[in-house]
Amino acid sequence: MPFATVRIVAGRDAEKRKAMALDVAQAIARALEAPIESVRVIVQEIPADQWFVGTENIEERRARRARETGERK
C-alpha cells in the first residue's frame, strides 16, 4: 500500500487540505496503477515559526516580504 507524507505550513483550512490529499492520492494511484483505496496520505502541518528557510523561519520571512512590498508601493 503506497503511503505519502505531505508537510505544509500550518494555516490552510480543512477543505483545502482534503482537496490536496485527494489530488496526491489520485496521482499516486495513477502513477503506480494501484487502487485509490490502497493509497494512504498523511498531512502534517508545521507552525510557521518552526519551519526554516535558511536562517529565517516562515513567519519572519513573510513579515520581511510584507515590509519590502510595502516599501515599494
N, C-alpha and C. Protein backbone atom coordinates (compact mmCIF):
# COMPACT_ATOMS: atom_id res chain seq x y z
N MET A 1 0.84 -1.17 0.00
CA MET A 1 0.00 0.00 0.00
C MET A 1 0.89 1.24 0.00
N PRO A 2 0.73 2.12 -0.99
CA PRO A 2 1.52 3.35 -1.05
C PRO A 2 1.15 4.29 0.10
N PHE A 3 2.16 4.97 0.62
CA PHE A 3 1.98 5.88 1.76
C PHE A 3 2.73 7.15 1.46
N ALA A 4 2.06 8.31 1.51
CA ALA A 4 2.71 9.60 1.26
C ALA A 4 2.53 10.50 2.46
N THR A 5 3.57 11.22 2.79
CA THR A 5 3.51 12.25 3.83
C THR A 5 3.75 13.59 3.17
N VAL A 6 2.86 14.53 3.43
CA VAL A 6 2.98 15.88 2.89
C VAL A 6 3.09 16.84 4.07
N ARG A 7 4.15 17.62 4.08
CA ARG A 7 4.33 18.61 5.15
C ARG A 7 4.07 19.99 4.56
N ILE A 8 3.19 20.73 5.24
CA ILE A 8 2.86 22.08 4.81
C ILE A 8 2.90 23.03 6.00
N VAL A 9 3.05 24.30 5.71
CA VAL A 9 2.99 25.31 6.77
C VAL A 9 1.53 25.37 7.24
N ALA A 10 1.34 25.40 8.53
CA ALA A 10 0.00 25.43 9.12
C ALA A 10 -0.77 26.67 8.67
N GLY A 11 -2.10 26.50 8.59
CA GLY A 11 -2.93 27.66 8.33
C GLY A 11 -3.98 27.47 7.25
N ARG A 12 -3.89 26.42 6.47
CA ARG A 12 -4.89 26.21 5.43
C ARG A 12 -6.12 25.52 6.04
N ASP A 13 -7.28 25.80 5.46
CA ASP A 13 -8.49 25.21 6.03
C ASP A 13 -8.62 23.73 5.65
N ALA A 14 -9.51 23.05 6.35
CA ALA A 14 -9.68 21.60 6.18
C ALA A 14 -10.07 21.24 4.75
N GLU A 15 -10.88 22.07 4.11
CA GLU A 15 -11.31 21.79 2.74
C GLU A 15 -10.11 21.78 1.78
N LYS A 16 -9.20 22.73 1.93
CA LYS A 16 -8.02 22.78 1.07
C LYS A 16 -7.09 21.60 1.34
N ARG A 17 -6.92 21.24 2.60
CA ARG A 17 -6.08 20.09 2.93
C ARG A 17 -6.66 18.81 2.34
N LYS A 18 -7.98 18.65 2.44
CA LYS A 18 -8.63 17.45 1.91
C LYS A 18 -8.50 17.39 0.39
N ALA A 19 -8.69 18.52 -0.30
CA ALA A 19 -8.56 18.56 -1.76
C ALA A 19 -7.14 18.20 -2.18
N MET A 20 -6.16 18.72 -1.47
CA MET A 20 -4.76 18.42 -1.78
C MET A 20 -4.47 16.93 -1.56
N ALA A 21 -4.97 16.38 -0.45
CA ALA A 21 -4.74 14.96 -0.17
C ALA A 21 -5.38 14.08 -1.24
N LEU A 22 -6.55 14.46 -1.72
CA LEU A 22 -7.21 13.71 -2.78
C LEU A 22 -6.38 13.76 -4.07
N ASP A 23 -5.88 14.95 -4.42
CA ASP A 23 -5.04 15.08 -5.62
C ASP A 23 -3.79 14.21 -5.52
N VAL A 24 -3.17 14.22 -4.35
CA VAL A 24 -1.96 13.41 -4.13
C VAL A 24 -2.30 11.93 -4.26
N ALA A 25 -3.37 11.51 -3.62
CA ALA A 25 -3.77 10.10 -3.67
C ALA A 25 -4.07 9.67 -5.10
N GLN A 26 -4.77 10.50 -5.84
CA GLN A 26 -5.10 10.17 -7.23
C GLN A 26 -3.84 10.07 -8.09
N ALA A 27 -2.90 10.99 -7.88
CA ALA A 27 -1.65 10.95 -8.65
C ALA A 27 -0.86 9.69 -8.36
N ILE A 28 -0.80 9.30 -7.11
CA ILE A 28 -0.07 8.09 -6.74
C ILE A 28 -0.76 6.86 -7.33
N ALA A 29 -2.08 6.80 -7.19
CA ALA A 29 -2.83 5.66 -7.73
C ALA A 29 -2.62 5.53 -9.23
N ARG A 30 -2.65 6.66 -9.92
CA ARG A 30 -2.48 6.65 -11.38
C ARG A 30 -1.05 6.21 -11.74
N ALA A 31 -0.07 6.81 -11.10
CA ALA A 31 1.33 6.52 -11.43
C ALA A 31 1.71 5.07 -11.13
N LEU A 32 1.18 4.52 -10.06
CA LEU A 32 1.53 3.16 -9.66
C LEU A 32 0.52 2.12 -10.11
N GLU A 33 -0.52 2.59 -10.78
CA GLU A 33 -1.61 1.69 -11.20
C GLU A 33 -2.11 0.88 -10.00
N ALA A 34 -2.34 1.61 -8.91
CA ALA A 34 -2.80 1.00 -7.66
C ALA A 34 -4.23 1.46 -7.39
N PRO A 35 -5.01 0.66 -6.71
CA PRO A 35 -6.36 1.11 -6.37
C PRO A 35 -6.28 2.29 -5.41
N ILE A 36 -7.11 3.31 -5.66
CA ILE A 36 -7.10 4.51 -4.82
C ILE A 36 -7.34 4.15 -3.35
N GLU A 37 -8.11 3.10 -3.11
CA GLU A 37 -8.42 2.69 -1.73
C GLU A 37 -7.18 2.21 -0.98
N SER A 38 -6.13 1.87 -1.71
CA SER A 38 -4.92 1.39 -1.05
C SER A 38 -3.93 2.51 -0.72
N VAL A 39 -4.19 3.71 -1.21
CA VAL A 39 -3.26 4.83 -1.03
C VAL A 39 -3.54 5.53 0.29
N ARG A 40 -2.49 5.78 1.04
CA ARG A 40 -2.59 6.49 2.32
C ARG A 40 -1.85 7.82 2.19
N VAL A 41 -2.48 8.90 2.66
CA VAL A 41 -1.85 10.23 2.64
C VAL A 41 -1.99 10.82 4.03
N ILE A 42 -0.89 11.27 4.57
CA ILE A 42 -0.91 11.97 5.84
C ILE A 42 -0.43 13.40 5.60
N VAL A 43 -1.15 14.35 6.16
CA VAL A 43 -0.78 15.76 6.05
C VAL A 43 -0.31 16.23 7.41
N GLN A 44 0.91 16.72 7.45
CA GLN A 44 1.47 17.24 8.69
C GLN A 44 1.60 18.75 8.55
N GLU A 45 0.96 19.47 9.46
CA GLU A 45 1.06 20.92 9.46
C GLU A 45 2.15 21.36 10.44
N ILE A 46 3.04 22.18 9.95
CA ILE A 46 4.15 22.69 10.75
C ILE A 46 3.90 24.17 11.03
N PRO A 47 3.95 24.60 12.28
CA PRO A 47 3.76 26.02 12.57
C PRO A 47 4.82 26.87 11.85
N ALA A 48 4.40 28.05 11.40
CA ALA A 48 5.28 28.92 10.62
C ALA A 48 6.55 29.31 11.37
N ASP A 49 6.49 29.34 12.69
CA ASP A 49 7.69 29.71 13.46
C ASP A 49 8.64 28.53 13.68
N GLN A 50 8.25 27.35 13.18
CA GLN A 50 9.09 26.16 13.32
C GLN A 50 9.61 25.64 11.99
N TRP A 51 9.29 26.33 10.89
CA TRP A 51 9.72 25.92 9.54
C TRP A 51 10.72 26.96 9.06
N PHE A 52 11.93 26.53 8.81
CA PHE A 52 13.00 27.46 8.45
C PHE A 52 13.43 27.31 7.00
N VAL A 53 13.72 28.45 6.40
CA VAL A 53 14.32 28.53 5.08
C VAL A 53 15.60 29.33 5.30
N GLY A 54 16.71 28.65 5.20
CA GLY A 54 17.97 29.31 5.56
C GLY A 54 17.94 29.64 7.04
N THR A 55 18.16 30.90 7.37
CA THR A 55 18.21 31.32 8.78
C THR A 55 16.92 31.97 9.25
N GLU A 56 15.92 32.07 8.38
CA GLU A 56 14.64 32.69 8.73
C GLU A 56 13.56 31.63 8.85
N ASN A 57 12.68 31.83 9.84
CA ASN A 57 11.50 30.96 9.82
C ASN A 57 10.46 31.60 8.91
N ILE A 58 9.45 30.85 8.56
CA ILE A 58 8.45 31.31 7.60
C ILE A 58 7.74 32.56 8.11
N GLU A 59 7.48 32.61 9.39
CA GLU A 59 6.83 33.77 9.99
C GLU A 59 7.67 35.04 9.75
N GLU A 60 8.98 34.94 10.02
CA GLU A 60 9.88 36.08 9.80
C GLU A 60 9.97 36.43 8.32
N ARG A 61 10.04 35.42 7.49
CA ARG A 61 10.15 35.62 6.04
C ARG A 61 8.93 36.35 5.49
N ARG A 62 7.74 35.95 5.93
CA ARG A 62 6.51 36.61 5.49
C ARG A 62 6.50 38.07 5.95
N ALA A 63 6.91 38.31 7.18
CA ALA A 63 6.93 39.68 7.70
C ALA A 63 7.92 40.54 6.91
N ARG A 64 9.10 39.99 6.61
CA ARG A 64 10.09 40.73 5.84
C ARG A 64 9.57 41.05 4.44
N ARG A 65 8.97 40.07 3.81
CA ARG A 65 8.43 40.29 2.45
C ARG A 65 7.31 41.32 2.46
N ALA A 66 6.48 41.31 3.50
CA ALA A 66 5.41 42.29 3.60
C ALA A 66 5.99 43.69 3.75
N ARG A 67 7.04 43.82 4.56
CA ARG A 67 7.71 45.13 4.72
C ARG A 67 8.30 45.58 3.39
N GLU A 68 8.99 44.68 2.70
CA GLU A 68 9.61 45.01 1.42
C GLU A 68 8.57 45.42 0.38
N THR A 69 7.47 44.70 0.34
CA THR A 69 6.39 45.03 -0.60
C THR A 69 5.78 46.38 -0.27
N GLY A 70 5.59 46.63 1.01
CA GLY A 70 5.04 47.91 1.46
C GLY A 70 5.95 49.08 1.14
N GLU A 71 7.26 48.85 1.20
CA GLU A 71 8.25 49.90 0.92
C GLU A 71 8.27 50.24 -0.55
N ARG A 72 7.93 49.30 -1.43
CA ARG A 72 7.99 49.53 -2.87
C ARG A 72 6.78 50.29 -3.39
N LYS A 73 5.70 50.32 -2.64
CA LYS A 73 4.46 50.96 -3.12
C LYS A 73 4.55 52.47 -3.07
